[in-house]
């Protein structure tokens, strides 16, 4: 291996809801995740509410009214 070209590797702790769920090798010392396999409904078989509220409303607010009137097609 060439010296001084590789990133520093850490034993990275992965946090979910403030708890350490696993340790992996990574270039950062810690990661905070919202969803992981231990909490995802596909793997657990349980239903879970994932906060996605407001995305549609944000899109509608952004593109409402005269947003596309000033745009010219090329």
C-alpha atoms as a PDB file:
ATOM      1  CA  UNK A   1       0.000   0.000   0.000  1.00  0.00           C
ATOM      2  CA  UNK A   2       1.135   3.517  -0.685  1.00  0.00           C
ATOM      3  CA  UNK A   3       1.546   5.650   2.386  1.00  0.00           C
ATOM      4  CA  UNK A   4      -0.568   8.747   3.111  1.00  0.00           C
ATOM      5  CA  UNK A   5      -3.246   8.173   0.431  1.00  0.00           C
ATOM      6  CA  UNK A   6      -5.748   6.042   2.332  1.00  0.00           C
ATOM      7  CA  UNK A   7      -8.383   7.554   4.645  1.00  0.00           C
ATOM      8  CA  UNK A   8      -8.200   6.906   8.371  1.00  0.00           C
ATOM      9  CA  UNK A   9     -10.371   3.944   9.350  1.00  0.00           C
ATOM     10  CA  UNK A  10     -12.436   3.861  12.563  1.00  0.00           C
ATOM     11  CA  UNK A  11     -14.419   1.247  14.430  1.00  0.00           C
ATOM     12  CA  UNK A  12     -17.619   3.123  13.666  1.00  0.00           C
ATOM     13  CA  UNK A  13     -20.570   2.906  16.061  1.00  0.00           C
ATOM     14  CA  UNK A  14     -23.978   3.036  14.376  1.00  0.00           C
ATOM     15  CA  UNK A  15     -26.700   4.680  16.495  1.00  0.00           C
ATOM     16  CA  UNK A  16     -30.483   4.329  16.136  1.00  0.00           C
ATOM     17  CA  UNK A  17     -32.653   6.324  18.570  1.00  0.00           C
ATOM     18  CA  UNK A  18     -29.624   6.977  20.759  1.00  0.00           C
ATOM     19  CA  UNK A  19     -28.672   3.300  21.117  1.00  0.00           C
ATOM     20  CA  UNK A  20     -25.672   1.586  19.548  1.00  0.00           C
ATOM     21  CA  UNK A  21     -27.048  -1.062  17.184  1.00  0.00           C
ATOM     22  CA  UNK A  22     -23.806  -2.263  15.578  1.00  0.00           C
ATOM     23  CA  UNK A  23     -20.163  -1.498  14.980  1.00  0.00           C
ATOM     24  CA  UNK A  24     -18.620  -1.441  11.514  1.00  0.00           C
ATOM     25  CA  UNK A  25     -15.419  -0.265   9.890  1.00  0.00           C
ATOM     26  CA  UNK A  26     -15.814   3.177   8.298  1.00  0.00           C
ATOM     27  CA  UNK A  27     -14.077   6.479   7.632  1.00  0.00           C
ATOM     28  CA  UNK A  28     -16.144   8.282  10.302  1.00  0.00           C
ATOM     29  CA  UNK A  29     -16.209   7.498  14.049  1.00  0.00           C
ATOM     30  CA  UNK A  30     -20.011   7.338  14.373  1.00  0.00           C
ATOM     31  CA  UNK A  31     -23.193   7.263  12.264  1.00  0.00           C
ATOM     32  CA  UNK A  32     -26.759   8.147  13.258  1.00  0.00           C
ATOM     33  CA  UNK A  33     -29.457   6.374  11.217  1.00  0.00           C
ATOM     34  CA  UNK A  34     -33.239   6.676  11.198  1.00  0.00           C
ATOM     35  CA  UNK A  35     -33.995   3.220   9.829  1.00  0.00           C
ATOM     36  CA  UNK A  36     -31.952   0.029   9.953  1.00  0.00           C
ATOM     37  CA  UNK A  37     -32.747  -3.644   9.407  1.00  0.00           C
ATOM     38  CA  UNK A  38     -33.615  -4.178  13.072  1.00  0.00           C
ATOM     39  CA  UNK A  39     -36.348  -1.537  12.939  1.00  0.00           C
ATOM     40  CA  UNK A  40     -37.566  -1.821   9.326  1.00  0.00           C
ATOM     41  CA  UNK A  41     -41.025  -3.407   8.918  1.00  0.00           C
ATOM     42  CA  UNK A  42     -39.814  -5.662   6.075  1.00  0.00           C
ATOM     43  CA  UNK A  43     -37.367  -7.446   8.382  1.00  0.00           C
ATOM     44  CA  UNK A  44     -39.301  -7.277  11.667  1.00  0.00           C
ATOM     45  CA  UNK A  45     -42.816  -8.018  10.374  1.00  0.00           C
ATOM     46  CA  UNK A  46     -44.195  -5.210  12.550  1.00  0.00           C
ATOM     47  CA  UNK A  47     -45.798  -2.005  11.380  1.00  0.00           C
ATOM     48  CA  UNK A  48     -43.930   1.198  12.114  1.00  0.00           C
ATOM     49  CA  UNK A  49     -44.761   4.803  11.327  1.00  0.00           C
ATOM     50  CA  UNK A  50     -41.932   6.482   9.427  1.00  0.00           C
ATOM     51  CA  UNK A  51     -42.297  10.249   9.509  1.00  0.00           C
ATOM     52  CA  UNK A  52     -42.794  11.329   5.901  1.00  0.00           C
ATOM     53  CA  UNK A  53     -45.561  13.831   6.536  1.00  0.00           C
ATOM     54  CA  UNK A  54     -45.241  17.161   4.835  1.00  0.00           C
ATOM     55  CA  UNK A  55     -43.327  16.033   1.747  1.00  0.00           C
ATOM     56  CA  UNK A  56     -46.337  16.234  -0.565  1.00  0.00           C
ATOM     57  CA  UNK A  57     -47.427  19.547   0.920  1.00  0.00           C
ATOM     58  CA  UNK A  58     -43.900  20.957   0.538  1.00  0.00           C
ATOM     59  CA  UNK A  59     -43.845  19.889  -3.126  1.00  0.00           C
ATOM     60  CA  UNK A  60     -47.267  21.421  -3.753  1.00  0.00           C
ATOM     61  CA  UNK A  61     -46.286  24.717  -2.106  1.00  0.00           C
ATOM     62  CA  UNK A  62     -43.086  24.885  -4.148  1.00  0.00           C
ATOM     63  CA  UNK A  63     -44.751  24.298  -7.532  1.00  0.00           C
ATOM     64  CA  UNK A  64     -48.090  26.034  -7.018  1.00  0.00           C
ATOM     65  CA  UNK A  65     -49.284  29.091  -8.919  1.00  0.00           C
ATOM     66  CA  UNK A  66     -47.154  30.592 -11.689  1.00  0.00           C
ATOM     67  CA  UNK A  67     -43.994  28.568 -11.148  1.00  0.00           C
ATOM     68  CA  UNK A  68     -43.852  27.200 -14.711  1.00  0.00           C
ATOM     69  CA  UNK A  69     -45.172  30.271 -16.566  1.00  0.00           C
ATOM     70  CA  UNK A  70     -41.785  32.015 -16.643  1.00  0.00           C
ATOM     71  CA  UNK A  71     -39.968  28.913 -17.901  1.00  0.00           C
ATOM     72  CA  UNK A  72     -39.257  28.610 -21.619  1.00  0.00           C
ATOM     73  CA  UNK A  73     -38.856  25.276 -23.363  1.00  0.00           C
ATOM     74  CA  UNK A  74     -35.735  24.846 -25.434  1.00  0.00           C
END
